Amino acid sequence: MKLDVTRDVVNDLWPLYEAKEASPDSRALVEAYLAEDTAFVSLLRGGGPKRAVPELRLSADAERQLLDDARARAQTRLKLVGGSIVLAWFLAAAALAVLLFKVVRG
């Protein structure tokens, strides 16, 4: 079975190839492809083909909703931490009161 290797495949393997972390089979695949497409070699060595990363644009309402959700999550965490601290102090005070009660009575 023969696989068709494309520039995209070689481009995906290129960082591993350059870092010498690609498997021997992947290295051989890249080298065989680049032996046939010499123009692509210079393109890869020059930083590789530029990939357009889509810019995420949110509407003002969506951005406000995300910020409100993040703020609500932060406030919930703060309340949980504060509640845990209060509970720990209460339990420590109760244990101390029980201990003092036993010492005084006993």
N, C-alpha and C. Protein backbone atom coordinates (compact mmCIF):
# COMPACT_ATOMS: atom_id res chain seq x y z
N MET A 1 0.84 -1.17 0.00
CA MET A 1 0.00 0.00 0.00
C MET A 1 0.90 1.24 0.00
N LYS A 2 0.68 2.13 -0.93
CA LYS A 2 1.48 3.35 -1.03
C LYS A 2 0.64 4.52 -0.54
N LEU A 3 1.24 5.29 0.34
CA LEU A 3 0.55 6.46 0.87
C LEU A 3 1.00 7.70 0.12
N ASP A 4 0.06 8.59 -0.14
CA ASP A 4 0.42 9.86 -0.75
C ASP A 4 0.80 10.84 0.34
N VAL A 5 2.02 11.32 0.27
CA VAL A 5 2.51 12.29 1.25
C VAL A 5 2.36 13.67 0.63
N THR A 6 1.77 14.56 1.39
CA THR A 6 1.54 15.92 0.89
C THR A 6 2.43 16.90 1.66
N ARG A 7 2.44 18.13 1.18
CA ARG A 7 3.20 19.17 1.87
C ARG A 7 2.66 19.38 3.29
N ASP A 8 1.37 19.25 3.45
CA ASP A 8 0.79 19.43 4.79
C ASP A 8 1.33 18.39 5.77
N VAL A 9 1.46 17.15 5.31
CA VAL A 9 1.99 16.09 6.17
C VAL A 9 3.43 16.41 6.57
N VAL A 10 4.23 16.78 5.59
CA VAL A 10 5.63 17.10 5.86
C VAL A 10 5.72 18.34 6.75
N ASN A 11 4.86 19.31 6.52
CA ASN A 11 4.84 20.51 7.35
C ASN A 11 4.49 20.17 8.79
N ASP A 12 3.58 19.23 8.99
CA ASP A 12 3.22 18.81 10.35
C ASP A 12 4.38 18.08 11.03
N LEU A 13 5.14 17.32 10.27
CA LEU A 13 6.26 16.56 10.84
C LEU A 13 7.52 17.40 10.99
N TRP A 14 7.59 18.53 10.31
CA TRP A 14 8.82 19.32 10.27
C TRP A 14 9.35 19.73 11.66
N PRO A 15 8.51 20.20 12.59
CA PRO A 15 9.05 20.57 13.91
C PRO A 15 9.71 19.38 14.63
N LEU A 16 9.11 18.21 14.51
CA LEU A 16 9.70 17.02 15.12
C LEU A 16 10.99 16.63 14.41
N TYR A 17 11.00 16.76 13.10
CA TYR A 17 12.18 16.44 12.31
C TYR A 17 13.33 17.37 12.69
N GLU A 18 13.06 18.65 12.77
CA GLU A 18 14.09 19.64 13.11
C GLU A 18 14.62 19.43 14.53
N ALA A 19 13.74 19.05 15.45
CA ALA A 19 14.14 18.84 16.84
C ALA A 19 14.76 17.46 17.06
N LYS A 20 14.85 16.68 15.97
CA LYS A 20 15.40 15.31 16.03
C LYS A 20 14.61 14.42 17.00
N GLU A 21 13.30 14.64 17.04
CA GLU A 21 12.42 13.85 17.88
C GLU A 21 11.49 12.95 17.06
N ALA A 22 11.58 13.05 15.74
CA ALA A 22 10.73 12.23 14.88
C ALA A 22 11.29 10.80 14.86
N SER A 23 10.39 9.85 14.66
CA SER A 23 10.82 8.46 14.57
C SER A 23 11.65 8.28 13.30
N PRO A 24 12.43 7.21 13.23
CA PRO A 24 13.22 6.97 12.02
C PRO A 24 12.35 6.88 10.76
N ASP A 25 11.18 6.28 10.86
CA ASP A 25 10.29 6.19 9.70
C ASP A 25 9.79 7.57 9.27
N SER A 26 9.45 8.41 10.26
CA SER A 26 8.99 9.77 9.93
C SER A 26 10.12 10.58 9.32
N ARG A 27 11.33 10.43 9.84
CA ARG A 27 12.49 11.14 9.29
C ARG A 27 12.71 10.71 7.84
N ALA A 28 12.62 9.41 7.59
CA ALA A 28 12.82 8.91 6.23
C ALA A 28 11.73 9.44 5.30
N LEU A 29 10.52 9.51 5.78
CA LEU A 29 9.41 10.04 4.99
C LEU A 29 9.64 11.49 4.61
N VAL A 30 10.05 12.29 5.59
CA VAL A 30 10.31 13.72 5.34
C VAL A 30 11.47 13.87 4.35
N GLU A 31 12.54 13.12 4.58
CA GLU A 31 13.71 13.23 3.70
C GLU A 31 13.38 12.81 2.28
N ALA A 32 12.59 11.75 2.12
CA ALA A 32 12.22 11.30 0.78
C ALA A 32 11.36 12.34 0.07
N TYR A 33 10.45 12.95 0.81
CA TYR A 33 9.60 13.97 0.19
C TYR A 33 10.41 15.19 -0.20
N LEU A 34 11.29 15.62 0.69
CA LEU A 34 12.06 16.83 0.42
C LEU A 34 13.08 16.62 -0.70
N ALA A 35 13.49 15.37 -0.91
CA ALA A 35 14.40 15.10 -2.03
C ALA A 35 13.70 15.34 -3.36
N GLU A 36 12.38 15.16 -3.38
CA GLU A 36 11.62 15.37 -4.61
C GLU A 36 11.12 16.80 -4.75
N ASP A 37 10.88 17.49 -3.64
CA ASP A 37 10.33 18.85 -3.67
C ASP A 37 11.33 19.80 -3.03
N THR A 38 12.36 20.16 -3.77
CA THR A 38 13.44 20.99 -3.23
C THR A 38 12.98 22.42 -2.94
N ALA A 39 11.97 22.89 -3.63
CA ALA A 39 11.47 24.25 -3.37
C ALA A 39 10.84 24.34 -1.98
N PHE A 40 10.26 23.22 -1.55
CA PHE A 40 9.62 23.21 -0.24
C PHE A 40 10.65 23.24 0.89
N VAL A 41 11.85 22.73 0.62
CA VAL A 41 12.92 22.74 1.63
C VAL A 41 13.23 24.17 2.04
N SER A 42 13.43 25.05 1.05
CA SER A 42 13.76 26.43 1.38
C SER A 42 12.59 27.13 2.07
N LEU A 43 11.40 26.75 1.72
CA LEU A 43 10.23 27.33 2.38
C LEU A 43 10.18 26.91 3.85
N LEU A 44 10.46 25.63 4.12
CA LEU A 44 10.47 25.14 5.50
C LEU A 44 11.60 25.77 6.31
N ARG A 45 12.76 25.85 5.74
CA ARG A 45 13.91 26.41 6.46
C ARG A 45 13.74 27.91 6.69
N GLY A 46 12.92 28.53 5.90
CA GLY A 46 12.66 29.96 6.07
C GLY A 46 11.57 30.24 7.07
N GLY A 47 11.15 29.25 7.80
CA GLY A 47 10.12 29.46 8.83
C GLY A 47 8.84 28.73 8.53
N GLY A 48 8.78 28.05 7.41
CA GLY A 48 7.60 27.26 7.09
C GLY A 48 6.49 28.11 6.51
N PRO A 49 5.55 27.45 5.91
CA PRO A 49 4.42 28.18 5.36
C PRO A 49 3.64 28.84 6.48
N LYS A 50 3.21 30.03 6.23
CA LYS A 50 2.46 30.76 7.24
C LYS A 50 1.04 30.19 7.31
N ARG A 51 0.67 29.84 8.51
CA ARG A 51 -0.69 29.34 8.73
C ARG A 51 -1.51 30.46 9.32
N ALA A 52 -2.60 30.69 8.70
CA ALA A 52 -3.48 31.74 9.19
C ALA A 52 -4.29 31.18 10.36
N VAL A 53 -4.09 31.78 11.51
CA VAL A 53 -4.86 31.40 12.68
C VAL A 53 -6.06 32.33 12.73
N PRO A 54 -7.24 31.76 12.72
CA PRO A 54 -8.40 32.63 12.72
C PRO A 54 -8.45 33.46 14.00
N GLU A 55 -8.73 34.72 13.83
CA GLU A 55 -8.82 35.60 14.98
C GLU A 55 -10.21 35.47 15.58
N LEU A 56 -10.24 35.31 16.87
CA LEU A 56 -11.51 35.15 17.56
C LEU A 56 -12.09 36.53 17.83
N ARG A 57 -13.23 36.79 17.28
CA ARG A 57 -13.90 38.07 17.49
C ARG A 57 -15.24 37.79 18.16
N LEU A 58 -15.43 38.45 19.26
CA LEU A 58 -16.68 38.30 20.00
C LEU A 58 -17.45 39.61 19.95
N SER A 59 -18.73 39.47 19.96
CA SER A 59 -19.55 40.67 20.05
C SER A 59 -19.39 41.25 21.45
N ALA A 60 -19.75 42.49 21.61
CA ALA A 60 -19.63 43.14 22.92
C ALA A 60 -20.47 42.40 23.97
N ASP A 61 -21.64 41.92 23.56
CA ASP A 61 -22.50 41.19 24.49
C ASP A 61 -21.88 39.86 24.90
N ALA A 62 -21.31 39.14 23.94
CA ALA A 62 -20.69 37.85 24.24
C ALA A 62 -19.48 38.04 25.14
N GLU A 63 -18.69 39.08 24.87
CA GLU A 63 -17.52 39.36 25.70
C GLU A 63 -17.94 39.72 27.12
N ARG A 64 -18.98 40.53 27.24
CA ARG A 64 -19.49 40.91 28.56
C ARG A 64 -20.00 39.68 29.31
N GLN A 65 -20.67 38.78 28.59
CA GLN A 65 -21.19 37.57 29.23
C GLN A 65 -20.04 36.69 29.74
N LEU A 66 -18.98 36.55 28.93
CA LEU A 66 -17.82 35.77 29.37
C LEU A 66 -17.17 36.37 30.60
N LEU A 67 -17.03 37.69 30.61
CA LEU A 67 -16.45 38.35 31.77
C LEU A 67 -17.34 38.19 33.01
N ASP A 68 -18.64 38.32 32.82
CA ASP A 68 -19.56 38.14 33.95
C ASP A 68 -19.50 36.72 34.50
N ASP A 69 -19.43 35.73 33.60
CA ASP A 69 -19.32 34.34 34.04
C ASP A 69 -18.02 34.10 34.81
N ALA A 70 -16.92 34.65 34.31
CA ALA A 70 -15.63 34.49 34.99
C ALA A 70 -15.66 35.16 36.37
N ARG A 71 -16.27 36.33 36.44
CA ARG A 71 -16.37 37.03 37.71
C ARG A 71 -17.24 36.21 38.69
N ALA A 72 -18.33 35.65 38.22
CA ALA A 72 -19.20 34.85 39.08
C ALA A 72 -18.47 33.61 39.60
N ARG A 73 -17.69 32.96 38.72
CA ARG A 73 -16.91 31.79 39.17
C ARG A 73 -15.87 32.18 40.21
N ALA A 74 -15.22 33.32 40.03
CA ALA A 74 -14.22 33.78 40.99
C ALA A 74 -14.88 34.10 42.33
N GLN A 75 -16.04 34.73 42.30
CA GLN A 75 -16.74 35.04 43.53
C GLN A 75 -17.20 33.78 44.25
N THR A 76 -17.63 32.79 43.50
CA THR A 76 -18.04 31.51 44.11
C THR A 76 -16.86 30.85 44.79
N ARG A 77 -15.70 30.84 44.12
CA ARG A 77 -14.50 30.26 44.74
C ARG A 77 -14.14 31.01 46.01
N LEU A 78 -14.20 32.33 45.96
CA LEU A 78 -13.88 33.13 47.14
C LEU A 78 -14.82 32.80 48.30
N LYS A 79 -16.10 32.65 48.01
CA LYS A 79 -17.07 32.31 49.05
C LYS A 79 -16.78 30.93 49.63
N LEU A 80 -16.42 29.98 48.77
CA LEU A 80 -16.11 28.63 49.26
C LEU A 80 -14.87 28.63 50.15
N VAL A 81 -13.85 29.36 49.74
CA VAL A 81 -12.63 29.44 50.55
C VAL A 81 -12.92 30.13 51.87
N GLY A 82 -13.65 31.24 51.83
CA GLY A 82 -14.01 31.95 53.05
C GLY A 82 -14.84 31.08 53.98
N GLY A 83 -15.81 30.38 53.41
CA GLY A 83 -16.64 29.49 54.21
C GLY A 83 -15.82 28.37 54.85
N SER A 84 -14.87 27.85 54.10
CA SER A 84 -14.01 26.79 54.64
C SER A 84 -13.17 27.30 55.80
N ILE A 85 -12.67 28.52 55.66
CA ILE A 85 -11.87 29.10 56.75
C ILE A 85 -12.72 29.32 57.99
N VAL A 86 -13.92 29.86 57.81
CA VAL A 86 -14.82 30.07 58.95
C VAL A 86 -15.18 28.74 59.61
N LEU A 87 -15.46 27.74 58.81
CA LEU A 87 -15.80 26.43 59.37
C LEU A 87 -14.62 25.84 60.14
N ALA A 88 -13.41 25.98 59.60
CA ALA A 88 -12.23 25.47 60.29
C ALA A 88 -12.04 26.17 61.63
N TRP A 89 -12.22 27.49 61.67
CA TRP A 89 -12.10 28.23 62.93
C TRP A 89 -13.20 27.79 63.91
N PHE A 90 -14.39 27.60 63.42
CA PHE A 90 -15.48 27.18 64.28
C PHE A 90 -15.20 25.81 64.88
N LEU A 91 -14.75 24.88 64.06
CA LEU A 91 -14.45 23.53 64.56
C LEU A 91 -13.29 23.56 65.55
N ALA A 92 -12.28 24.39 65.28
CA ALA A 92 -11.16 24.49 66.21
C ALA A 92 -11.62 25.08 67.54
N ALA A 93 -12.48 26.10 67.48
CA ALA A 93 -13.00 26.71 68.71
C ALA A 93 -13.86 25.71 69.48
N ALA A 94 -14.66 24.94 68.78
CA ALA A 94 -15.51 23.94 69.44
C ALA A 94 -14.66 22.87 70.10
N ALA A 95 -13.60 22.43 69.41
CA ALA A 95 -12.72 21.41 69.99
C ALA A 95 -12.01 21.97 71.23
N LEU A 96 -11.57 23.22 71.15
CA LEU A 96 -10.92 23.84 72.29
C LEU A 96 -11.89 23.99 73.46
N ALA A 97 -13.14 24.34 73.16
CA ALA A 97 -14.14 24.48 74.22
C ALA A 97 -14.41 23.14 74.90
N VAL A 98 -14.51 22.08 74.11
CA VAL A 98 -14.71 20.75 74.68
C VAL A 98 -13.53 20.36 75.53
N LEU A 99 -12.34 20.63 75.06
CA LEU A 99 -11.13 20.29 75.81
C LEU A 99 -11.07 21.07 77.12
N LEU A 100 -11.34 22.36 77.09
CA LEU A 100 -11.33 23.17 78.30
C LEU A 100 -12.44 22.73 79.27
N PHE A 101 -13.60 22.36 78.73
CA PHE A 101 -14.70 21.89 79.58
C PHE A 101 -14.29 20.62 80.32
N LYS A 102 -13.60 19.72 79.64
CA LYS A 102 -13.17 18.47 80.28
C LYS A 102 -12.10 18.75 81.35
N VAL A 103 -11.22 19.71 81.07
CA VAL A 103 -10.16 20.02 82.03
C VAL A 103 -10.75 20.66 83.28
N VAL A 104 -11.69 21.56 83.08
CA VAL A 104 -12.30 22.28 84.22
C VAL A 104 -13.13 21.31 85.06
N ARG A 105 -13.86 20.42 84.41
CA ARG A 105 -14.73 19.49 85.14
C ARG A 105 -13.96 18.33 85.72
N GLY A 106 -12.87 18.04 85.11
CA GLY A 106 -12.26 16.79 85.44
C GLY A 106 -11.09 16.69 86.23
